[in-house]
């Protein structure tokens, strides 16, 4: 069961629903899902996440360039250098090379989860019936099997996390836990 929104702005956007979600959900639940996806479009989530992905890539690229420049001699100033400063810079470069892309990716995923909460709330306000989306999310969660061939690159296109649920998986998920989303929606009533 899935639905997703795509497009660069509201004038050039599309929303897709699988036949499974259309068959499995009641009208009020489908309205909630449609409002959630329309909220992604209205809130420019696709554009926001595109910018975030580009920034994450830039951070990884810059840290890699810094490391390579220093490793291949770009950091040497003279032959009389004692090597202490170069060694410290090399260590800092290695730490940045390893940690910067990881931290940037975690920030990207956190932003994605916040945008999901925003789409839930905006969708509930649009329909004025948060219970419809809450029930839809419960049904989707109950029917969602782990997809062994799902790609992390396309995980954001699912309405729920397509990967195996685990204690640490929430940190690396594009979507917040379904239970939390449902609780927040029911708190809006």
Protein backbone atom coordinates (compact mmCIF):
# COMPACT_ATOMS: atom_id res chain seq x y z
CA UNK A 1 0.00 0.00 0.00
CA UNK A 2 1.56 3.25 -1.06
CA UNK A 3 1.01 6.81 -2.25
CA UNK A 4 3.53 9.55 -3.00
CA UNK A 5 3.85 13.07 -4.38
CA UNK A 6 6.39 14.28 -6.89
CA UNK A 7 7.08 17.49 -8.81
CA UNK A 8 9.12 20.65 -8.51
CA UNK A 9 6.24 22.95 -7.50
CA UNK A 10 2.44 22.86 -7.14
CA UNK A 11 1.91 23.66 -10.83
CA UNK A 12 4.10 20.73 -11.93
CA UNK A 13 3.21 18.09 -9.34
CA UNK A 14 1.63 14.67 -9.43
CA UNK A 15 0.31 12.34 -6.78
CA UNK A 16 0.30 8.58 -7.27
CA UNK A 17 -1.69 5.89 -5.46
CA UNK A 18 -1.19 2.16 -5.79
CA UNK A 19 -4.24 0.07 -6.63
CA UNK A 20 -3.67 -1.71 -3.31
CA UNK A 21 -4.12 1.44 -1.24
CA UNK A 22 -7.25 2.40 -3.17
CA UNK A 23 -8.77 -1.02 -2.56
CA UNK A 24 -7.72 -1.32 1.09
CA UNK A 25 -8.79 2.05 2.49
CA UNK A 26 -12.20 3.57 3.18
CA UNK A 27 -13.08 6.92 1.56
CA UNK A 28 -12.25 8.98 4.69
CA UNK A 29 -8.90 7.22 4.98
CA UNK A 30 -8.11 7.82 1.29
CA UNK A 31 -9.03 11.48 1.75
CA UNK A 32 -6.53 11.65 4.61
CA UNK A 33 -3.78 10.07 2.50
CA UNK A 34 -4.59 12.37 -0.45
CA UNK A 35 -4.51 15.42 1.84
CA UNK A 36 -1.17 14.25 3.28
CA UNK A 37 0.31 13.98 -0.23
CA UNK A 38 -1.24 17.30 -1.33
CA UNK A 39 0.40 18.87 1.73
CA UNK A 40 3.80 17.64 0.54
CA UNK A 41 3.12 19.52 -2.70
CA UNK A 42 1.73 22.65 -1.01
CA UNK A 43 4.63 22.78 1.47
CA UNK A 44 7.23 22.43 -1.34
CA UNK A 45 8.64 19.34 0.37
CA UNK A 46 10.05 17.95 -2.87
CA UNK A 47 12.00 21.15 -3.47
CA UNK A 48 13.15 21.36 0.16
CA UNK A 49 14.40 17.78 0.14
CA UNK A 50 16.14 18.28 -3.22
CA UNK A 51 18.06 21.22 -1.76
CA UNK A 52 18.91 19.20 1.36
CA UNK A 53 20.18 16.28 -0.75
CA UNK A 54 22.37 18.64 -2.80
CA UNK A 55 23.81 20.17 0.38
CA UNK A 56 24.52 16.72 1.85
CA UNK A 57 26.30 15.77 -1.37
CA UNK A 58 28.28 19.01 -1.32
CA UNK A 59 29.43 18.37 2.25
CA UNK A 60 30.61 14.88 1.31
CA UNK A 61 32.38 16.23 -1.79
CA UNK A 62 34.10 19.07 0.07
CA UNK A 63 35.34 16.79 2.85
CA UNK A 64 36.65 14.33 0.25
CA UNK A 65 38.39 17.14 -1.69
CA UNK A 66 39.99 18.47 1.51
CA UNK A 67 41.33 15.02 2.34
CA UNK A 68 42.66 14.37 -1.17
CA UNK A 69 44.31 17.79 -1.45
CA UNK A 70 46.16 17.31 1.79
CA UNK A 71 46.96 13.63 1.19
CA UNK A 72 48.45 14.30 -2.25
CA UNK A 73 50.59 17.22 -1.09
CA UNK A 74 48.28 20.19 -1.39
CA UNK A 75 48.70 20.97 2.30
CA UNK A 76 52.54 21.21 2.29
CA UNK A 77 53.93 24.71 2.49
CA UNK A 78 57.67 24.02 2.45
CA UNK A 79 60.21 21.24 2.70
CA UNK A 80 61.33 22.58 6.11
CA UNK A 81 57.95 21.84 7.68
CA UNK A 82 58.40 19.64 10.75
CA UNK A 83 55.26 17.70 9.90
CA UNK A 84 53.45 18.31 13.20
CA UNK A 85 50.96 20.78 11.76
CA UNK A 86 50.53 18.63 8.68
CA UNK A 87 49.84 15.59 10.85
CA UNK A 88 47.21 17.43 12.86
CA UNK A 89 45.56 18.71 9.70
CA UNK A 90 45.63 15.18 8.28
CA UNK A 91 43.93 13.78 11.40
CA UNK A 92 41.30 16.53 11.34
CA UNK A 93 40.79 15.86 7.64
CA UNK A 94 40.29 12.14 8.21
CA UNK A 95 37.81 12.80 11.03
CA UNK A 96 35.91 15.26 8.82
CA UNK A 97 36.02 12.84 5.89
CA UNK A 98 34.40 10.15 8.01
CA UNK A 99 32.00 12.17 10.19
CA UNK A 100 30.80 15.01 7.94
CA UNK A 101 28.86 12.87 5.45
CA UNK A 102 27.36 10.77 8.26
CA UNK A 103 26.23 13.82 10.22
CA UNK A 104 24.90 15.47 7.06
CA UNK A 105 22.93 12.31 6.19
CA UNK A 106 21.45 12.14 9.71
CA UNK A 107 20.39 15.79 9.41
CA UNK A 108 18.79 15.05 6.01
CA UNK A 109 16.83 12.14 7.47
CA UNK A 110 15.72 14.24 10.47
CA UNK A 111 14.46 16.97 8.12
CA UNK A 112 12.60 14.33 6.10
CA UNK A 113 10.89 13.02 9.25
CA UNK A 114 9.88 16.55 10.29
CA UNK A 115 8.39 17.15 6.82
CA UNK A 116 6.32 13.96 7.24
CA UNK A 117 4.92 15.25 10.54
CA UNK A 118 4.16 18.57 8.83
CA UNK A 119 2.37 16.81 5.95
CA UNK A 120 0.35 14.77 8.47
CA UNK A 121 -0.73 17.91 10.36
CA UNK A 122 -1.40 19.92 7.19
CA UNK A 123 -3.37 17.04 5.70
CA UNK A 124 -5.45 16.70 8.87
CA UNK A 125 -6.20 20.43 8.79
CA UNK A 126 -7.16 20.20 5.12
CA UNK A 127 -9.71 17.43 5.69
CA UNK A 128 -10.61 18.61 9.20
CA UNK A 129 -10.71 14.92 10.08
CA UNK A 130 -7.37 13.70 11.50
CA UNK A 131 -8.90 10.33 12.39
CA UNK A 132 -9.15 9.43 8.68
CA UNK A 133 -5.39 9.71 8.15
CA UNK A 134 -4.68 8.08 11.53
CA UNK A 135 -6.76 5.02 10.59
CA UNK A 136 -5.15 4.93 7.14
CA UNK A 137 -1.67 4.95 8.67
CA UNK A 138 -2.64 2.13 11.02
CA UNK A 139 -3.91 0.02 8.11
CA UNK A 140 -0.81 0.77 6.05
CA UNK A 141 1.43 -0.11 8.98
CA UNK A 142 -0.44 -3.35 9.66
CA UNK A 143 -0.27 -4.42 6.02
CA UNK A 144 3.26 -3.23 5.27
CA UNK A 145 5.69 -6.05 4.82
CA UNK A 146 9.41 -5.43 4.82
CA UNK A 147 10.55 -4.97 1.24
CA UNK A 148 13.87 -6.83 0.89
CA UNK A 149 14.71 -5.18 -2.44
CA UNK A 150 13.77 -1.62 -1.46
CA UNK A 151 16.48 0.96 -1.99
CA UNK A 152 17.42 3.66 0.51
CA UNK A 153 17.44 6.05 -2.46
CA UNK A 154 13.69 5.53 -2.95
CA UNK A 155 12.58 5.09 0.68
CA UNK A 156 11.18 8.63 0.73
CA UNK A 157 8.65 7.59 -1.95
CA UNK A 158 6.88 5.27 0.48
CA UNK A 159 4.18 6.41 2.89
CA UNK A 160 5.71 4.11 5.52
CA UNK A 161 9.22 2.82 6.17
CA UNK A 162 9.88 -0.02 3.65
CA UNK A 163 12.72 -1.46 5.73
CA UNK A 164 12.81 -3.79 8.69
CA UNK A 165 11.86 -2.02 11.87
CA UNK A 166 14.49 -2.00 14.60
CA UNK A 167 15.67 0.01 17.57
CA UNK A 168 18.23 2.04 15.61
CA UNK A 169 16.36 2.04 12.29
CA UNK A 170 14.35 5.11 13.32
CA UNK A 171 17.50 7.22 13.23
CA UNK A 172 18.15 6.16 9.63
CA UNK A 173 14.53 6.29 8.46
CA UNK A 174 13.00 8.88 6.13
CA UNK A 175 9.70 8.53 8.01
CA UNK A 176 8.86 8.87 11.70
CA UNK A 177 7.49 5.81 13.53
CA UNK A 178 3.90 5.11 12.50
CA UNK A 179 2.82 4.89 16.15
CA UNK A 180 4.08 8.44 16.83
CA UNK A 181 2.38 9.80 13.73
CA UNK A 182 -0.95 8.24 14.72
CA UNK A 183 -0.65 9.57 18.30
CA UNK A 184 0.04 13.10 17.04
CA UNK A 185 -2.93 12.95 14.66
CA UNK A 186 -5.25 11.67 17.40
CA UNK A 187 -3.98 14.48 19.63
CA UNK A 188 -5.31 16.99 17.09
CA UNK A 189 -8.93 15.85 17.55
